[in-house]
């Protein structure tokens, strides 16, 4: 990995930029240290002339500056500091390219394992059929299931499950997942139909209410017209009399 990184121009350029940034951080830390050292020296020279209160105040100021410096160092170079984070951001895209290339070579040349002999990473590729994680998980799950079985049917199902291989387990799980997906699709379809029915009912109800409102208005207008005609006829009759 080190050899590969040293021969990728993009990594070298980004690494150079990070080195410059690191140097800036170190210069800032050195400047803060010199400032604290100067203040400490000045305090020692003036210690005999200061009252107890002033001495304690100056010492508290120095402690505050030291705490600030420690905090800044942790921020830049601590376990979760900027240097570590930016180093990871810098190397990860290159590592992804390396692992992709390693995968391609392993598939083409039918390699079972590939190691990085100069890195703490160690193994960087292994065929999936050598991964025992699922087998270990099955054993742990079986042990837990044995403690929970209560009926003869449970014991029979457990024996069937224990006799299955990892590949057979994958098939069973795939079928169960497919069944669950089908169930989810049915539920979604039923929910969609229900919403459509509710929407249709709401539309019909709104249409009915609108029609009813229109009829009531027309009826009210007709009644008002008749009443107005009656009142006009009455006024005419009274005028003639």
Protein backbone atom coordinates (compact mmCIF):
# COMPACT_ATOMS: atom_id res chain seq x y z
CA UNK A 1 0.00 0.00 0.00
CA UNK A 2 2.83 2.41 0.86
CA UNK A 3 4.50 1.76 -2.50
CA UNK A 4 1.24 2.29 -4.37
CA UNK A 5 0.49 5.54 -2.54
CA UNK A 6 3.96 6.86 -3.24
CA UNK A 7 3.38 6.37 -6.95
CA UNK A 8 -0.03 8.06 -7.26
CA UNK A 9 0.39 11.77 -8.16
CA UNK A 10 -3.02 12.78 -6.78
CA UNK A 11 -2.16 11.33 -3.39
CA UNK A 12 1.25 12.99 -3.37
CA UNK A 13 -0.27 16.38 -4.14
CA UNK A 14 -2.96 16.07 -1.47
CA UNK A 15 -0.40 14.75 1.01
CA UNK A 16 1.84 17.76 0.35
CA UNK A 17 -1.07 20.10 1.04
CA UNK A 18 -1.81 18.30 4.29
CA UNK A 19 1.86 18.50 5.31
CA UNK A 20 1.78 22.28 4.76
CA UNK A 21 -1.35 22.53 6.90
CA UNK A 22 0.26 20.42 9.63
CA UNK A 23 3.28 22.69 9.63
CA UNK A 24 1.00 25.70 10.08
CA UNK A 25 -0.64 24.02 13.07
CA UNK A 26 2.76 23.21 14.59
CA UNK A 27 3.88 26.82 14.11
CA UNK A 28 0.75 28.02 15.90
CA UNK A 29 1.41 25.61 18.77
CA UNK A 30 5.03 26.74 19.05
CA UNK A 31 3.94 30.40 19.11
CA UNK A 32 1.46 29.69 21.90
CA UNK A 33 4.15 27.86 23.86
CA UNK A 34 6.58 30.77 23.52
CA UNK A 35 3.87 33.19 24.66
CA UNK A 36 3.17 31.09 27.76
CA UNK A 37 6.88 30.72 28.49
CA UNK A 38 7.40 34.48 28.29
CA UNK A 39 4.48 35.13 30.63
CA UNK A 40 5.84 32.54 33.09
CA UNK A 41 9.30 34.13 33.00
CA UNK A 42 7.83 37.58 33.56
CA UNK A 43 5.79 36.25 36.50
CA UNK A 44 8.90 34.72 38.11
CA UNK A 45 10.75 38.03 37.77
CA UNK A 46 7.89 39.96 39.36
CA UNK A 47 6.79 37.36 41.93
CA UNK A 48 8.42 39.15 44.88
CA UNK A 49 6.64 42.41 44.00
CA UNK A 50 3.12 40.99 43.62
CA UNK A 51 0.44 40.64 46.26
CA UNK A 52 -1.06 37.23 46.94
CA UNK A 53 -4.22 38.15 45.02
CA UNK A 54 -2.32 39.39 41.96
CA UNK A 55 -0.04 36.35 42.03
CA UNK A 56 -3.01 33.95 42.08
CA UNK A 57 -4.67 35.90 39.28
CA UNK A 58 -1.56 35.74 37.06
CA UNK A 59 -1.14 32.00 37.78
CA UNK A 60 -4.79 31.39 36.84
CA UNK A 61 -4.21 33.27 33.57
CA UNK A 62 -1.22 31.05 32.79
CA UNK A 63 -3.18 27.90 33.61
CA UNK A 64 -5.99 29.07 31.34
CA UNK A 65 -3.53 29.59 28.46
CA UNK A 66 -1.99 26.15 29.07
CA UNK A 67 -5.43 24.52 29.05
CA UNK A 68 -6.25 26.34 25.81
CA UNK A 69 -3.00 25.09 24.27
CA UNK A 70 -3.72 21.48 25.32
CA UNK A 71 -7.23 21.74 23.88
CA UNK A 72 -5.86 23.11 20.62
CA UNK A 73 -3.29 20.30 20.38
CA UNK A 74 -6.03 17.71 20.89
CA UNK A 75 -8.20 19.39 18.29
CA UNK A 76 -5.41 19.24 15.71
CA UNK A 77 -3.45 16.10 16.61
CA UNK A 78 -5.60 14.15 19.09
CA UNK A 79 -7.17 10.71 18.38
CA UNK A 80 -10.17 12.34 16.73
CA UNK A 81 -8.34 15.46 15.63
CA UNK A 82 -8.12 17.24 12.30
CA UNK A 83 -4.89 15.50 11.25
CA UNK A 84 -6.30 11.99 11.66
CA UNK A 85 -9.60 12.88 10.01
CA UNK A 86 -8.01 14.61 7.04
CA UNK A 87 -5.46 11.81 6.68
CA UNK A 88 -8.34 9.31 6.45
CA UNK A 89 -10.18 11.52 3.96
CA UNK A 90 -7.01 11.76 1.93
CA UNK A 91 -6.18 8.06 1.81
CA UNK A 92 -9.68 6.54 1.63
CA UNK A 93 -10.37 7.30 -2.07
CA UNK A 94 -6.98 5.80 -2.96
CA UNK A 95 -7.62 2.75 -0.77
CA UNK A 96 -10.98 2.25 -2.47
CA UNK A 97 -9.24 2.25 -5.84
CA UNK A 98 -6.64 -0.21 -4.55
CA UNK A 99 -9.25 -2.60 -3.14
CA UNK A 100 -11.23 -2.47 -6.38
CA UNK A 101 -8.10 -3.30 -8.35
CA UNK A 102 -7.20 -6.09 -5.91
CA UNK A 103 -10.69 -7.57 -6.28
CA UNK A 104 -10.36 -7.52 -10.06
CA UNK A 105 -6.93 -9.20 -9.96
CA UNK A 106 -8.12 -11.84 -7.47
CA UNK A 107 -11.13 -12.70 -9.63
CA UNK A 108 -9.10 -12.81 -12.83
CA UNK A 109 -6.27 -14.92 -11.41
CA UNK A 110 -8.43 -16.95 -9.00
CA UNK A 111 -6.56 -15.91 -5.82
CA UNK A 112 -7.97 -16.98 -2.45
CA UNK A 113 -6.11 -14.41 -0.32
CA UNK A 114 -4.09 -11.24 -0.87
CA UNK A 115 -1.99 -9.62 1.88
CA UNK A 116 -0.39 -6.21 2.29
CA UNK A 117 3.05 -7.28 3.53
CA UNK A 118 4.17 -3.77 4.61
CA UNK A 119 1.06 -2.64 6.46
CA UNK A 120 -0.73 -3.33 9.72
CA UNK A 121 -3.88 -3.96 7.68
CA UNK A 122 -2.62 -7.46 6.87
CA UNK A 123 -5.12 -9.32 4.71
CA UNK A 124 -6.82 -7.04 2.20
CA UNK A 125 -8.69 -9.70 0.21
CA UNK A 126 -10.23 -13.10 0.91
CA UNK A 127 -12.78 -15.14 -0.99
CA UNK A 128 -16.22 -14.93 0.56
CA UNK A 129 -16.52 -18.73 0.89
CA UNK A 130 -13.77 -18.60 3.56
CA UNK A 131 -15.84 -16.26 5.73
CA UNK A 132 -17.10 -18.28 8.73
CA UNK A 133 -19.16 -15.46 10.27
CA UNK A 134 -22.51 -16.92 9.21
CA UNK A 135 -21.55 -20.36 10.53
CA UNK A 136 -20.54 -18.94 13.91
CA UNK A 137 -23.77 -16.95 14.04
CA UNK A 138 -25.81 -20.06 13.25
CA UNK A 139 -24.21 -21.97 16.13
CA UNK A 140 -24.91 -19.14 18.57
CA UNK A 141 -28.49 -18.84 17.32
CA UNK A 142 -29.05 -22.59 17.62
CA UNK A 143 -27.83 -22.57 21.22
CA UNK A 144 -30.24 -19.77 22.04
CA UNK A 145 -33.10 -21.52 20.25
CA UNK A 146 -32.55 -24.76 22.17
CA UNK A 147 -33.18 -22.88 25.41
CA UNK A 148 -36.47 -21.49 24.09
CA UNK A 149 -38.14 -24.55 22.54
CA UNK A 150 -41.37 -25.59 24.26
CA UNK A 151 -43.35 -27.89 21.96
CA UNK A 152 -42.64 -30.95 19.83
CA UNK A 153 -43.25 -28.84 16.73
CA UNK A 154 -40.60 -26.37 17.90
CA UNK A 155 -38.08 -29.19 18.36
CA UNK A 156 -38.84 -30.61 14.91
CA UNK A 157 -38.42 -27.20 13.27
CA UNK A 158 -35.19 -26.63 15.19
CA UNK A 159 -33.74 -29.97 14.01
CA UNK A 160 -34.63 -29.08 10.43
CA UNK A 161 -32.96 -25.71 10.80
CA UNK A 162 -29.81 -27.22 12.33
CA UNK A 163 -29.51 -29.73 9.50
CA UNK A 164 -29.56 -27.01 6.87
CA UNK A 165 -26.30 -25.72 5.40
CA UNK A 166 -25.45 -22.05 5.15
CA UNK A 167 -26.46 -22.10 1.48
CA UNK A 168 -29.79 -23.74 2.33
CA UNK A 169 -30.32 -21.19 5.08
CA UNK A 170 -29.76 -18.46 2.52
CA UNK A 171 -32.44 -19.99 0.28
CA UNK A 172 -34.90 -20.23 3.18
CA UNK A 173 -34.18 -16.68 4.21
CA UNK A 174 -34.57 -15.50 0.63
CA UNK A 175 -37.95 -17.22 0.40
CA UNK A 176 -39.02 -15.74 3.73
CA UNK A 177 -37.90 -12.30 2.57
CA UNK A 178 -39.76 -12.75 -0.72
CA UNK A 179 -42.89 -13.76 1.21
CA UNK A 180 -42.50 -10.74 3.46
CA UNK A 181 -42.04 -8.49 0.44
CA UNK A 182 -45.16 -9.97 -1.19
CA UNK A 183 -47.08 -9.40 2.04
CA UNK A 184 -45.87 -5.82 2.14
CA UNK A 185 -46.87 -5.32 -1.49
CA UNK A 186 -50.36 -6.71 -0.75
CA UNK A 187 -50.70 -4.42 2.24
CA UNK A 188 -49.61 -1.45 0.17
CA UNK A 189 -52.08 -2.40 -2.57
CA UNK A 190 -54.91 -2.74 -0.04
CA UNK A 191 -53.98 0.58 1.51
CA UNK A 192 -53.90 2.23 -1.91
CA UNK A 193 -57.34 0.80 -2.77
CA UNK A 194 -58.69 1.99 0.56
CA UNK A 195 -57.40 5.49 -0.09
CA UNK A 196 -58.91 5.46 -3.57
CA UNK A 197 -62.29 4.40 -2.13
CA UNK A 198 -62.08 7.04 0.58
CA UNK A 199 -61.16 9.65 -2.02
CA UNK A 200 -64.08 8.58 -4.24
CA UNK A 201 -66.48 8.67 -1.31
CA UNK A 202 -65.22 12.09 -0.30
CA UNK A 203 -65.67 13.34 -3.87
CA UNK A 204 -69.21 11.95 -4.04
CA UNK A 205 -70.05 13.43 -0.67
CA UNK A 206 -68.70 16.81 -1.73
CA UNK A 207 -70.72 16.58 -4.97
CA UNK A 208 -73.86 15.66 -3.02
CA UNK A 209 -73.38 18.51 -0.58
CA UNK A 210 -72.81 20.96 -3.42
CA UNK A 211 -75.95 19.75 -5.25
CA UNK A 212 -77.98 19.90 -2.02
CA UNK A 213 -76.73 23.42 -1.35
CA UNK A 214 -77.66 24.47 -4.87
CA UNK A 215 -81.16 22.99 -4.57
CA UNK A 216 -81.71 24.69 -1.22
CA UNK A 217 -80.60 28.00 -2.67
CA UNK A 218 -82.90 27.59 -5.69
CA UNK A 219 -85.80 26.61 -3.43
CA UNK A 220 -85.13 29.59 -1.18
CA UNK A 221 -84.95 31.89 -4.20
CA UNK A 222 -88.31 30.54 -5.50
CA UNK A 223 -89.94 30.98 -2.11
CA UNK A 224 -88.60 34.52 -1.88
CA UNK A 225 -89.94 35.25 -5.38
CA UNK A 226 -93.41 33.94 -4.52
CA UNK A 227 -93.45 35.87 -1.28
CA UNK A 228 -92.39 39.02 -3.11
CA UNK A 229 -95.15 38.52 -5.70
CA UNK A 230 -97.75 38.06 -2.97
CA UNK A 231 -96.64 41.20 -1.19
CA UNK A 232 -96.73 43.16 -4.46
CA UNK A 233 -100.26 41.92 -5.22
CA UNK A 234 -101.38 42.83 -1.73
CA UNK A 235 -99.95 46.33 -2.04
CA UNK A 236 -101.71 46.77 -5.40
CA UNK A 237 -105.04 45.63 -3.90
CA UNK A 238 -104.69 48.00 -0.97
CA UNK A 239 -103.94 50.86 -3.33
CA UNK A 240 -107.08 50.16 -5.42
CA UNK A 241 -109.26 49.96 -2.31
